[in-house]
Amino acid sequence: MSTPNSVIGVDNFNLPSDETKADKIIQLIRIAESAERYQDMCKFVKALVEIKCPKNNPTGRTDLSVEERNLLSVAYKNVVGSKRASWRTLSGGVEESGPDQENLIGIYKTAVEVELETICQEVLSLLQDYLIPTAQSADSASETQVFLSQDVWRLLQIFVGIST
C-alpha cells in the first residue's frame, strides 16, 4: 500500500510481461493524466520508454509514436511547471518575513531546485540514453532530440545554474 503523497509506479500494478505490457502502460499514462497525477505519469512514461527503446537490445527497439511523445511531454512539462511555480513563489519571498523566515525560505527554495534538477536530469537521460540512440530514422532522431532537450537545458541553466 502506498503512503499519502507517494508516487505510484508500474511496480504497483500486476502487469503482463508480454507484448501487451506497453499497451497497459499507455492506459496507465492516460489514467494518470486524467487524474492530474503527473509524477505518476512520468514514472509510467519512463517505464514505457525503457520497454519500447531498450538500450541493450537493438533488434527490440521501436520509436515512440507521436501520441506517446506527446504524453511524455505532458507528463514532464506539468511536473516541471509545478516546480517552477513553487520556485518563483519562493524567489519572490513572503510578505512580512524576518531573517529566520528568509533562511527557511532559502532552504526550501534549494530543495525545490534539487527536485527540479532531478526531474530535468531524468528527462535528459531518457532522451540521451533511450530515445535518440534508438530512433529508427534521422527524422525521428532529430524530432526527438529537439522535442524536449532544449527546454530542459534552458530550465537547468535558469533554475539550477548548470551550463551546457
C-alpha atoms as a PDB file:
ATOM      1  CA  MET A   1       0.000   0.000   0.000  1.00  0.00           C
ATOM      2  CA  SER A   2       1.313   3.426  -0.849  1.00  0.00           C
ATOM      3  CA  THR A   3       1.713   6.191   1.681  1.00  0.00           C
ATOM      4  CA  PRO A   4      -0.046   9.537   1.292  1.00  0.00           C
ATOM      5  CA  ASN A   5       1.501  11.733  -1.414  1.00  0.00           C
ATOM      6  CA  SER A   6       3.640   8.883  -2.713  1.00  0.00           C
ATOM      7  CA  VAL A   7       4.357   8.430  -6.384  1.00  0.00           C
ATOM      8  CA  ILE A   8       2.794   5.354  -7.919  1.00  0.00           C
ATOM      9  CA  GLY A   9       4.842   3.414 -10.443  1.00  0.00           C
ATOM     10  CA  VAL A  10       4.411   0.464 -12.765  1.00  0.00           C
ATOM     11  CA  ASP A  11       5.500  -1.887  -9.966  1.00  0.00           C
ATOM     12  CA  ASN A  12       2.253  -1.094  -8.125  1.00  0.00           C
ATOM     13  CA  PHE A  13       0.346  -2.984 -10.832  1.00  0.00           C
ATOM     14  CA  ASN A  14       0.390  -6.628 -11.820  1.00  0.00           C
ATOM     15  CA  LEU A  15       1.167  -6.051 -15.492  1.00  0.00           C
ATOM     16  CA  PRO A  16       1.737  -8.842 -18.001  1.00  0.00           C
ATOM     17  CA  SER A  17       5.291  -9.442 -19.146  1.00  0.00           C
ATOM     18  CA  ASP A  18       4.339  -9.893 -22.787  1.00  0.00           C
ATOM     19  CA  GLU A  19       3.728  -7.598 -25.748  1.00  0.00           C
ATOM     20  CA  THR A  20       0.582  -6.158 -24.126  1.00  0.00           C
ATOM     21  CA  LYS A  21       2.593  -4.583 -21.310  1.00  0.00           C
ATOM     22  CA  ALA A  22       3.280  -1.405 -23.328  1.00  0.00           C
ATOM     23  CA  ASP A  23      -0.442  -1.085 -24.108  1.00  0.00           C
ATOM     24  CA  LYS A  24      -1.299  -1.416 -20.405  1.00  0.00           C
ATOM     25  CA  ILE A  25       1.299   1.208 -19.505  1.00  0.00           C
ATOM     26  CA  ILE A  26      -0.185   3.598 -22.082  1.00  0.00           C
ATOM     27  CA  GLN A  27      -3.560   3.076 -20.426  1.00  0.00           C
ATOM     28  CA  LEU A  28      -1.996   3.899 -17.048  1.00  0.00           C
ATOM     29  CA  ILE A  29      -0.402   7.028 -18.519  1.00  0.00           C
ATOM     30  CA  ARG A  30      -3.794   8.233 -19.763  1.00  0.00           C
ATOM     31  CA  ILE A  31      -5.460   7.444 -16.434  1.00  0.00           C
ATOM     32  CA  ALA A  32      -2.742   9.334 -14.540  1.00  0.00           C
ATOM     33  CA  GLU A  33      -3.174  12.282 -16.904  1.00  0.00           C
ATOM     34  CA  SER A  34      -6.936  12.305 -16.342  1.00  0.00           C
ATOM     35  CA  ALA A  35      -6.357  12.250 -12.591  1.00  0.00           C
ATOM     36  CA  GLU A  36      -3.730  15.010 -12.925  1.00  0.00           C
ATOM     37  CA  ARG A  37      -1.144  12.720 -11.289  1.00  0.00           C
ATOM     38  CA  TYR A  38       1.765  13.977 -13.354  1.00  0.00           C
ATOM     39  CA  GLN A  39       4.540  12.491 -11.201  1.00  0.00           C
ATOM     40  CA  ASP A  40       2.903   9.087 -11.604  1.00  0.00           C
ATOM     41  CA  MET A  41       2.548   9.810 -15.298  1.00  0.00           C
ATOM     42  CA  CYS A  42       6.320  10.439 -15.501  1.00  0.00           C
ATOM     43  CA  LYS A  43       7.048   7.079 -13.886  1.00  0.00           C
ATOM     44  CA  PHE A  44       4.721   5.323 -16.338  1.00  0.00           C
ATOM     45  CA  VAL A  45       6.206   7.142 -19.341  1.00  0.00           C
ATOM     46  CA  LYS A  46       9.726   6.252 -18.205  1.00  0.00           C
ATOM     47  CA  ALA A  47       8.709   2.585 -17.990  1.00  0.00           C
ATOM     48  CA  LEU A  48       7.187   2.783 -21.487  1.00  0.00           C
ATOM     49  CA  VAL A  49      10.375   4.283 -22.927  1.00  0.00           C
ATOM     50  CA  GLU A  50      12.500   1.603 -21.259  1.00  0.00           C
ATOM     51  CA  ILE A  51      10.280  -1.120 -22.790  1.00  0.00           C
ATOM     52  CA  LYS A  52       9.986   0.335 -26.293  1.00  0.00           C
ATOM     53  CA  CYS A  53      13.568   1.594 -26.610  1.00  0.00           C
ATOM     54  CA  PRO A  54      15.761  -0.856 -24.664  1.00  0.00           C
ATOM     55  CA  LYS A  55      19.424   0.142 -24.518  1.00  0.00           C
ATOM     56  CA  ASN A  56      20.816  -3.367 -24.774  1.00  0.00           C
ATOM     57  CA  ASN A  57      18.524  -4.830 -27.440  1.00  0.00           C
ATOM     58  CA  PRO A  58      18.896  -3.096 -30.823  1.00  0.00           C
ATOM     59  CA  THR A  59      16.506  -5.520 -32.525  1.00  0.00           C
ATOM     60  CA  GLY A  60      13.739  -4.869 -29.992  1.00  0.00           C
ATOM     61  CA  ARG A  61      13.643  -1.098 -30.409  1.00  0.00           C
ATOM     62  CA  THR A  62      10.585   0.813 -31.509  1.00  0.00           C
ATOM     63  CA  ASP A  63      10.225   4.576 -31.930  1.00  0.00           C
ATOM     64  CA  LEU A  64       7.661   6.248 -29.739  1.00  0.00           C
ATOM     65  CA  SER A  65       4.569   7.272 -31.633  1.00  0.00           C
ATOM     66  CA  VAL A  66       3.633  10.943 -31.870  1.00  0.00           C
ATOM     67  CA  GLU A  67       0.973  10.353 -29.203  1.00  0.00           C
ATOM     68  CA  GLU A  68       3.485   8.679 -26.881  1.00  0.00           C
ATOM     69  CA  ARG A  69       5.957  11.546 -27.314  1.00  0.00           C
ATOM     70  CA  ASN A  70       3.137  13.982 -26.560  1.00  0.00           C
ATOM     71  CA  LEU A  71       2.297  12.046 -23.372  1.00  0.00           C
ATOM     72  CA  LEU A  72       5.961  12.213 -22.350  1.00  0.00           C
ATOM     73  CA  SER A  73       5.932  15.947 -22.939  1.00  0.00           C
ATOM     74  CA  VAL A  74       2.698  16.493 -20.992  1.00  0.00           C
ATOM     75  CA  ALA A  75       3.961  14.468 -18.044  1.00  0.00           C
ATOM     76  CA  TYR A  76       7.314  16.185 -17.634  1.00  0.00           C
ATOM     77  CA  LYS A  77       6.162  19.690 -18.543  1.00  0.00           C
ATOM     78  CA  ASN A  78       3.416  19.554 -15.894  1.00  0.00           C
ATOM     79  CA  VAL A  79       5.773  18.303 -13.189  1.00  0.00           C
ATOM     80  CA  VAL A  80       8.402  20.874 -14.128  1.00  0.00           C
ATOM     81  CA  GLY A  81       5.737  23.605 -14.372  1.00  0.00           C
ATOM     82  CA  SER A  82       4.589  22.890 -10.832  1.00  0.00           C
ATOM     83  CA  LYS A  83       8.152  23.037  -9.513  1.00  0.00           C
ATOM     84  CA  ARG A  84       8.806  26.250 -11.456  1.00  0.00           C
ATOM     85  CA  ALA A  85       5.728  27.871  -9.906  1.00  0.00           C
ATOM     86  CA  SER A  86       6.943  26.874  -6.436  1.00  0.00           C
ATOM     87  CA  TRP A  87      10.404  28.218  -7.187  1.00  0.00           C
ATOM     88  CA  ARG A  88       9.003  31.562  -8.404  1.00  0.00           C
ATOM     89  CA  THR A  89       6.862  31.897  -5.290  1.00  0.00           C
ATOM     90  CA  LEU A  90       9.810  31.173  -3.024  1.00  0.00           C
ATOM     91  CA  SER A  91      12.069  33.502  -5.024  1.00  0.00           C
ATOM     92  CA  GLY A  92       9.566  36.310  -4.586  1.00  0.00           C
ATOM     93  CA  GLY A  93       9.796  35.990  -0.819  1.00  0.00           C
ATOM     94  CA  VAL A  94       6.979  36.102   1.667  1.00  0.00           C
ATOM     95  CA  GLU A  95       5.374  39.274   2.912  1.00  0.00           C
ATOM     96  CA  GLU A  96       6.456  40.387   6.369  1.00  0.00           C
ATOM     97  CA  SER A  97       9.186  37.791   6.676  1.00  0.00           C
ATOM     98  CA  GLY A  98      12.008  38.175   9.137  1.00  0.00           C
ATOM     99  CA  PRO A  99      15.577  36.862   8.981  1.00  0.00           C
ATOM    100  CA  ASP A 100      14.596  33.449  10.365  1.00  0.00           C
ATOM    101  CA  GLN A 101      11.858  33.041   7.791  1.00  0.00           C
ATOM    102  CA  GLU A 102      14.171  34.217   4.990  1.00  0.00           C
ATOM    103  CA  ASN A 103      16.628  31.481   5.980  1.00  0.00           C
ATOM    104  CA  LEU A 104      13.843  28.871   5.915  1.00  0.00           C
ATOM    105  CA  ILE A 105      12.678  30.134   2.523  1.00  0.00           C
ATOM    106  CA  GLY A 106      16.239  29.798   1.209  1.00  0.00           C
ATOM    107  CA  ILE A 107      16.461  26.202   2.412  1.00  0.00           C
ATOM    108  CA  TYR A 108      13.061  25.392   0.916  1.00  0.00           C
ATOM    109  CA  LYS A 109      13.993  27.054  -2.383  1.00  0.00           C
ATOM    110  CA  THR A 110      17.177  24.957  -2.555  1.00  0.00           C
ATOM    111  CA  ALA A 111      15.128  21.789  -2.008  1.00  0.00           C
ATOM    112  CA  VAL A 112      12.808  22.751  -4.881  1.00  0.00           C
ATOM    113  CA  GLU A 113      15.839  23.438  -7.103  1.00  0.00           C
ATOM    114  CA  VAL A 114      17.204  19.955  -6.326  1.00  0.00           C
ATOM    115  CA  GLU A 115      13.823  18.402  -7.220  1.00  0.00           C
ATOM    116  CA  LEU A 116      13.729  20.417 -10.427  1.00  0.00           C
ATOM    117  CA  GLU A 117      17.250  19.342 -11.355  1.00  0.00           C
ATOM    118  CA  THR A 118      16.391  15.688 -10.680  1.00  0.00           C
ATOM    119  CA  ILE A 119      13.349  15.839 -12.948  1.00  0.00           C
ATOM    120  CA  CYS A 120      15.290  17.602 -15.707  1.00  0.00           C
ATOM    121  CA  GLN A 121      18.153  15.103 -15.487  1.00  0.00           C
ATOM    122  CA  GLU A 122      15.638  12.245 -15.684  1.00  0.00           C
ATOM    123  CA  VAL A 123      14.081  13.513 -18.907  1.00  0.00           C
ATOM    124  CA  LEU A 124      17.512  14.277 -20.388  1.00  0.00           C
ATOM    125  CA  SER A 125      18.572  10.732 -19.560  1.00  0.00           C
ATOM    126  CA  LEU A 126      15.505   9.340 -21.330  1.00  0.00           C
ATOM    127  CA  LEU A 127      16.313  11.427 -24.385  1.00  0.00           C
ATOM    128  CA  GLN A 128      20.062  10.773 -24.476  1.00  0.00           C
ATOM    129  CA  ASP A 129      20.120   7.145 -23.313  1.00  0.00           C
ATOM    130  CA  TYR A 130      16.965   5.738 -24.899  1.00  0.00           C
ATOM    131  CA  LEU A 131      15.106   7.885 -27.404  1.00  0.00           C
ATOM    132  CA  ILE A 132      17.822   9.458 -29.543  1.00  0.00           C
ATOM    133  CA  PRO A 133      20.105   6.404 -29.893  1.00  0.00           C
ATOM    134  CA  THR A 134      17.187   4.094 -30.645  1.00  0.00           C
ATOM    135  CA  ALA A 135      15.425   6.325 -33.176  1.00  0.00           C
ATOM    136  CA  GLN A 136      14.732   4.349 -36.346  1.00  0.00           C
ATOM    137  CA  SER A 137      15.141   7.279 -38.733  1.00  0.00           C
ATOM    138  CA  ALA A 138      17.067  10.531 -38.936  1.00  0.00           C
ATOM    139  CA  ASP A 139      13.791  12.488 -38.891  1.00  0.00           C
ATOM    140  CA  SER A 140      12.700  10.710 -35.734  1.00  0.00           C
ATOM    141  CA  ALA A 141      16.082  11.289 -34.071  1.00  0.00           C
ATOM    142  CA  SER A 142      16.034  14.997 -34.909  1.00  0.00           C
ATOM    143  CA  GLU A 143      12.444  15.373 -33.790  1.00  0.00           C
ATOM    144  CA  THR A 144      13.104  13.522 -30.541  1.00  0.00           C
ATOM    145  CA  GLN A 145      16.259  15.483 -29.784  1.00  0.00           C
ATOM    146  CA  VAL A 146      14.589  18.848 -30.338  1.00  0.00           C
ATOM    147  CA  PHE A 147      11.453  17.572 -28.648  1.00  0.00           C
ATOM    148  CA  LEU A 148      12.427  18.430 -25.076  1.00  0.00           C
ATOM    149  CA  SER A 149      16.174  18.716 -24.657  1.00  0.00           C
ATOM    150  CA  GLN A 150      16.465  22.442 -25.407  1.00  0.00           C
ATOM    151  CA  ASP A 151      13.702  23.306 -22.933  1.00  0.00           C
ATOM    152  CA  VAL A 152      15.230  21.093 -20.272  1.00  0.00           C
ATOM    153  CA  TRP A 153      18.722  22.534 -20.666  1.00  0.00           C
ATOM    154  CA  ARG A 154      17.278  26.065 -20.538  1.00  0.00           C
ATOM    155  CA  LEU A 155      15.475  25.233 -17.284  1.00  0.00           C
ATOM    156  CA  LEU A 156      18.627  23.786 -15.775  1.00  0.00           C
ATOM    157  CA  GLN A 157      20.516  26.957 -16.645  1.00  0.00           C
ATOM    158  CA  ILE A 158      17.856  29.254 -15.199  1.00  0.00           C
ATOM    159  CA  PHE A 159      16.939  27.448 -12.009  1.00  0.00           C
ATOM    160  CA  VAL A 160      19.967  25.414 -11.087  1.00  0.00           C
ATOM    161  CA  GLY A 161      22.797  27.278 -12.790  1.00  0.00           C
ATOM    162  CA  ILE A 162      24.073  24.323 -14.815  1.00  0.00           C
ATOM    163  CA  SER A 163      25.820  25.247 -18.030  1.00  0.00           C
ATOM    164  CA  THR A 164      25.607  23.324 -21.270  1.00  0.00           C
END
